Amino acid sequence: MNSTSLSVTDLYGQWLSSLSVSEKLDIISLLTDSLRNKKSKSEKVDIDAIFAGFSKDWGGEGTPEEIAASLRENSLDTRDVEVW
């Protein structure tokens, strides 16, 4: 191992040493599950599902397209951009 790997390992070791046995077992379980349930890189990501959780935070219940259109309509930007 090189020195960078050791320092990262030492850092995690120090962090893990401060956790309770229960917390350490939870982390082991999560890591084990992540290794067993590798997702295929070719899986299609549902963008609407990802952004659905943020709709209320952004002040509306609209679709991402509706929210983007609303932002464009209410823009206060008056600058002119030269086409080159």
N, C-alpha and C. Protein backbone atom coordinates (compact mmCIF):
# COMPACT_ATOMS: atom_id res chain seq x y z
N MET A 1 0.84 -1.19 0.00
CA MET A 1 0.00 0.00 0.00
C MET A 1 0.87 1.24 0.00
N ASN A 2 0.37 2.25 -0.66
CA ASN A 2 1.13 3.50 -0.65
C ASN A 2 0.71 4.36 0.54
N SER A 3 1.43 5.44 0.77
CA SER A 3 1.17 6.28 1.94
C SER A 3 -0.20 6.92 1.89
N THR A 4 -0.71 7.23 0.69
CA THR A 4 -2.04 7.84 0.58
C THR A 4 -3.11 6.87 1.05
N SER A 5 -3.00 5.61 0.65
CA SER A 5 -3.98 4.61 1.08
C SER A 5 -3.95 4.43 2.59
N LEU A 6 -2.76 4.43 3.16
CA LEU A 6 -2.65 4.26 4.60
C LEU A 6 -3.28 5.44 5.33
N SER A 7 -3.05 6.64 4.87
CA SER A 7 -3.60 7.78 5.58
C SER A 7 -5.13 7.79 5.49
N VAL A 8 -5.69 7.40 4.36
CA VAL A 8 -7.14 7.33 4.23
C VAL A 8 -7.68 6.22 5.13
N THR A 9 -6.98 5.08 5.13
CA THR A 9 -7.39 3.97 5.99
C THR A 9 -7.31 4.37 7.46
N ASP A 10 -6.24 5.05 7.83
CA ASP A 10 -6.10 5.51 9.22
C ASP A 10 -7.22 6.49 9.58
N LEU A 11 -7.56 7.37 8.66
CA LEU A 11 -8.62 8.33 8.90
C LEU A 11 -9.94 7.63 9.18
N TYR A 12 -10.29 6.67 8.32
CA TYR A 12 -11.52 5.91 8.54
C TYR A 12 -11.44 5.09 9.82
N GLY A 13 -10.27 4.54 10.11
CA GLY A 13 -10.10 3.78 11.34
C GLY A 13 -10.36 4.61 12.57
N GLN A 14 -9.86 5.83 12.58
CA GLN A 14 -10.08 6.73 13.71
C GLN A 14 -11.56 7.07 13.83
N TRP A 15 -12.17 7.33 12.69
CA TRP A 15 -13.60 7.68 12.69
C TRP A 15 -14.44 6.51 13.19
N LEU A 16 -14.13 5.31 12.71
CA LEU A 16 -14.90 4.13 13.11
C LEU A 16 -14.70 3.81 14.58
N SER A 17 -13.53 4.09 15.12
CA SER A 17 -13.26 3.76 16.52
C SER A 17 -14.16 4.55 17.47
N SER A 18 -14.68 5.69 17.02
CA SER A 18 -15.53 6.51 17.88
C SER A 18 -16.99 6.06 17.85
N LEU A 19 -17.34 5.11 16.98
CA LEU A 19 -18.72 4.67 16.86
C LEU A 19 -19.02 3.54 17.84
N SER A 20 -20.30 3.39 18.15
CA SER A 20 -20.72 2.27 19.00
C SER A 20 -20.70 0.98 18.18
N VAL A 21 -20.76 -0.14 18.88
CA VAL A 21 -20.78 -1.45 18.21
C VAL A 21 -21.99 -1.54 17.29
N SER A 22 -23.12 -1.05 17.72
CA SER A 22 -24.34 -1.10 16.92
C SER A 22 -24.18 -0.29 15.63
N GLU A 23 -23.60 0.90 15.73
CA GLU A 23 -23.38 1.74 14.55
C GLU A 23 -22.40 1.07 13.58
N LYS A 24 -21.37 0.45 14.13
CA LYS A 24 -20.40 -0.25 13.28
C LYS A 24 -21.07 -1.41 12.55
N LEU A 25 -21.93 -2.16 13.24
CA LEU A 25 -22.63 -3.27 12.59
C LEU A 25 -23.58 -2.77 11.50
N ASP A 26 -24.22 -1.62 11.73
CA ASP A 26 -25.08 -1.03 10.70
C ASP A 26 -24.27 -0.67 9.46
N ILE A 27 -23.09 -0.10 9.65
CA ILE A 27 -22.23 0.26 8.52
C ILE A 27 -21.77 -0.99 7.78
N ILE A 28 -21.41 -2.03 8.52
CA ILE A 28 -20.99 -3.28 7.89
C ILE A 28 -22.13 -3.84 7.05
N SER A 29 -23.34 -3.80 7.58
CA SER A 29 -24.51 -4.29 6.86
C SER A 29 -24.75 -3.50 5.58
N LEU A 30 -24.66 -2.18 5.67
CA LEU A 30 -24.86 -1.33 4.48
C LEU A 30 -23.79 -1.60 3.42
N LEU A 31 -22.55 -1.73 3.85
CA LEU A 31 -21.47 -2.01 2.90
C LEU A 31 -21.64 -3.37 2.25
N THR A 32 -22.01 -4.36 3.04
CA THR A 32 -22.23 -5.71 2.50
C THR A 32 -23.36 -5.70 1.49
N ASP A 33 -24.47 -5.04 1.82
CA ASP A 33 -25.60 -4.96 0.89
C ASP A 33 -25.21 -4.24 -0.39
N SER A 34 -24.39 -3.20 -0.27
CA SER A 34 -23.99 -2.45 -1.47
C SER A 34 -23.13 -3.30 -2.39
N LEU A 35 -22.35 -4.21 -1.82
CA LEU A 35 -21.53 -5.10 -2.65
C LEU A 35 -22.36 -6.18 -3.30
N ARG A 36 -23.37 -6.67 -2.60
CA ARG A 36 -24.22 -7.74 -3.13
C ARG A 36 -25.21 -7.23 -4.17
N ASN A 37 -25.64 -6.00 -4.03
CA ASN A 37 -26.69 -5.46 -4.88
C ASN A 37 -26.16 -4.40 -5.83
N LYS A 38 -25.08 -4.71 -6.50
CA LYS A 38 -24.53 -3.74 -7.44
C LYS A 38 -25.53 -3.48 -8.54
N LYS A 39 -25.80 -2.22 -8.79
CA LYS A 39 -26.71 -1.85 -9.85
C LYS A 39 -25.95 -1.76 -11.15
N SER A 40 -26.61 -2.13 -12.19
CA SER A 40 -26.01 -2.05 -13.51
C SER A 40 -25.86 -0.59 -13.91
N LYS A 41 -24.74 -0.26 -14.50
CA LYS A 41 -24.52 1.12 -14.95
C LYS A 41 -25.45 1.48 -16.10
N SER A 42 -26.03 0.48 -16.73
CA SER A 42 -26.90 0.75 -17.87
C SER A 42 -28.34 1.02 -17.45
N GLU A 43 -28.63 0.97 -16.14
CA GLU A 43 -29.99 1.25 -15.69
C GLU A 43 -30.36 2.69 -16.00
N LYS A 44 -31.59 2.87 -16.44
CA LYS A 44 -32.07 4.21 -16.78
C LYS A 44 -32.54 4.90 -15.50
N VAL A 45 -32.12 6.12 -15.32
CA VAL A 45 -32.48 6.89 -14.14
C VAL A 45 -33.75 7.67 -14.46
N ASP A 46 -34.72 7.60 -13.55
CA ASP A 46 -35.98 8.34 -13.71
C ASP A 46 -35.80 9.73 -13.11
N ILE A 47 -35.53 10.70 -13.96
CA ILE A 47 -35.26 12.07 -13.50
C ILE A 47 -36.46 12.64 -12.76
N ASP A 48 -37.67 12.38 -13.26
CA ASP A 48 -38.87 12.91 -12.60
C ASP A 48 -38.97 12.40 -11.17
N ALA A 49 -38.63 11.14 -10.96
CA ALA A 49 -38.69 10.57 -9.61
C ALA A 49 -37.67 11.23 -8.69
N ILE A 50 -36.51 11.55 -9.22
CA ILE A 50 -35.48 12.20 -8.41
C ILE A 50 -35.93 13.59 -7.97
N PHE A 51 -36.47 14.36 -8.90
CA PHE A 51 -36.85 15.73 -8.60
C PHE A 51 -38.20 15.83 -7.89
N ALA A 52 -38.98 14.76 -7.88
CA ALA A 52 -40.30 14.80 -7.25
C ALA A 52 -40.20 15.16 -5.77
N GLY A 53 -39.16 14.72 -5.10
CA GLY A 53 -39.00 15.01 -3.69
C GLY A 53 -38.68 16.47 -3.39
N PHE A 54 -38.27 17.21 -4.40
CA PHE A 54 -37.89 18.60 -4.19
C PHE A 54 -38.98 19.59 -4.60
N SER A 55 -40.06 19.12 -5.18
CA SER A 55 -41.05 20.04 -5.74
C SER A 55 -41.60 21.00 -4.70
N LYS A 56 -41.90 20.50 -3.50
CA LYS A 56 -42.42 21.40 -2.46
C LYS A 56 -41.36 22.38 -2.00
N ASP A 57 -40.09 21.94 -1.96
CA ASP A 57 -39.01 22.84 -1.56
C ASP A 57 -38.87 23.99 -2.53
N TRP A 58 -39.20 23.75 -3.80
CA TRP A 58 -39.07 24.78 -4.81
C TRP A 58 -40.32 25.63 -4.93
N GLY A 59 -41.30 25.37 -4.08
CA GLY A 59 -42.47 26.21 -4.02
C GLY A 59 -43.56 25.85 -4.99
N GLY A 60 -43.65 24.62 -5.41
CA GLY A 60 -44.73 24.27 -6.32
C GLY A 60 -44.89 22.78 -6.47
N GLU A 61 -45.97 22.42 -7.07
CA GLU A 61 -46.27 21.02 -7.30
C GLU A 61 -46.15 20.68 -8.77
N GLY A 62 -45.62 21.59 -9.57
CA GLY A 62 -45.53 21.37 -11.01
C GLY A 62 -44.43 20.40 -11.39
N THR A 63 -44.48 20.02 -12.65
CA THR A 63 -43.43 19.16 -13.19
C THR A 63 -42.16 19.99 -13.34
N PRO A 64 -41.03 19.34 -13.52
CA PRO A 64 -39.79 20.11 -13.72
C PRO A 64 -39.90 21.08 -14.89
N GLU A 65 -40.59 20.65 -15.94
CA GLU A 65 -40.75 21.53 -17.11
C GLU A 65 -41.59 22.75 -16.77
N GLU A 66 -42.66 22.55 -15.98
CA GLU A 66 -43.51 23.68 -15.60
C GLU A 66 -42.77 24.65 -14.69
N ILE A 67 -41.99 24.11 -13.77
CA ILE A 67 -41.21 24.97 -12.87
C ILE A 67 -40.18 25.77 -13.66
N ALA A 68 -39.51 25.11 -14.62
CA ALA A 68 -38.52 25.82 -15.45
C ALA A 68 -39.19 26.92 -16.26
N ALA A 69 -40.35 26.64 -16.83
CA ALA A 69 -41.08 27.65 -17.61
C ALA A 69 -41.47 28.83 -16.73
N SER A 70 -41.90 28.55 -15.50
CA SER A 70 -42.27 29.62 -14.58
C SER A 70 -41.07 30.48 -14.23
N LEU A 71 -39.92 29.85 -14.01
CA LEU A 71 -38.71 30.61 -13.72
C LEU A 71 -38.32 31.50 -14.89
N ARG A 72 -38.45 30.96 -16.10
CA ARG A 72 -38.12 31.77 -17.28
C ARG A 72 -39.06 32.95 -17.44
N GLU A 73 -40.36 32.74 -17.20
CA GLU A 73 -41.36 33.80 -17.34
C GLU A 73 -41.17 34.90 -16.31
N ASN A 74 -40.73 34.54 -15.12
CA ASN A 74 -40.61 35.50 -14.04
C ASN A 74 -39.19 36.04 -13.88
N SER A 75 -38.36 35.80 -14.85
CA SER A 75 -36.98 36.26 -14.78
C SER A 75 -36.91 37.78 -14.83
N LEU A 76 -36.06 38.34 -14.01
CA LEU A 76 -35.87 39.79 -13.99
C LEU A 76 -34.63 40.20 -14.79
N ASP A 77 -34.04 39.25 -15.48
CA ASP A 77 -32.82 39.51 -16.25
C ASP A 77 -33.15 40.34 -17.48
N THR A 78 -32.53 41.50 -17.59
CA THR A 78 -32.79 42.38 -18.73
C THR A 78 -31.55 42.56 -19.60
N ARG A 79 -30.52 41.79 -19.38
CA ARG A 79 -29.28 41.98 -20.13
C ARG A 79 -29.43 41.47 -21.56
N ASP A 80 -28.70 42.08 -22.44
CA ASP A 80 -28.65 41.66 -23.84
C ASP A 80 -27.35 40.91 -24.05
N VAL A 81 -27.45 39.74 -24.61
CA VAL A 81 -26.29 38.92 -24.88
C VAL A 81 -26.03 38.94 -26.38
N GLU A 82 -24.81 39.37 -26.73
CA GLU A 82 -24.44 39.41 -28.14
C GLU A 82 -24.23 38.02 -28.67
N VAL A 83 -24.74 37.76 -29.85
CA VAL A 83 -24.49 36.49 -30.51
C VAL A 83 -23.21 36.64 -31.28
N TRP A 84 -22.28 35.70 -31.16
CA TRP A 84 -21.02 35.81 -31.86
C TRP A 84 -20.70 34.59 -32.63
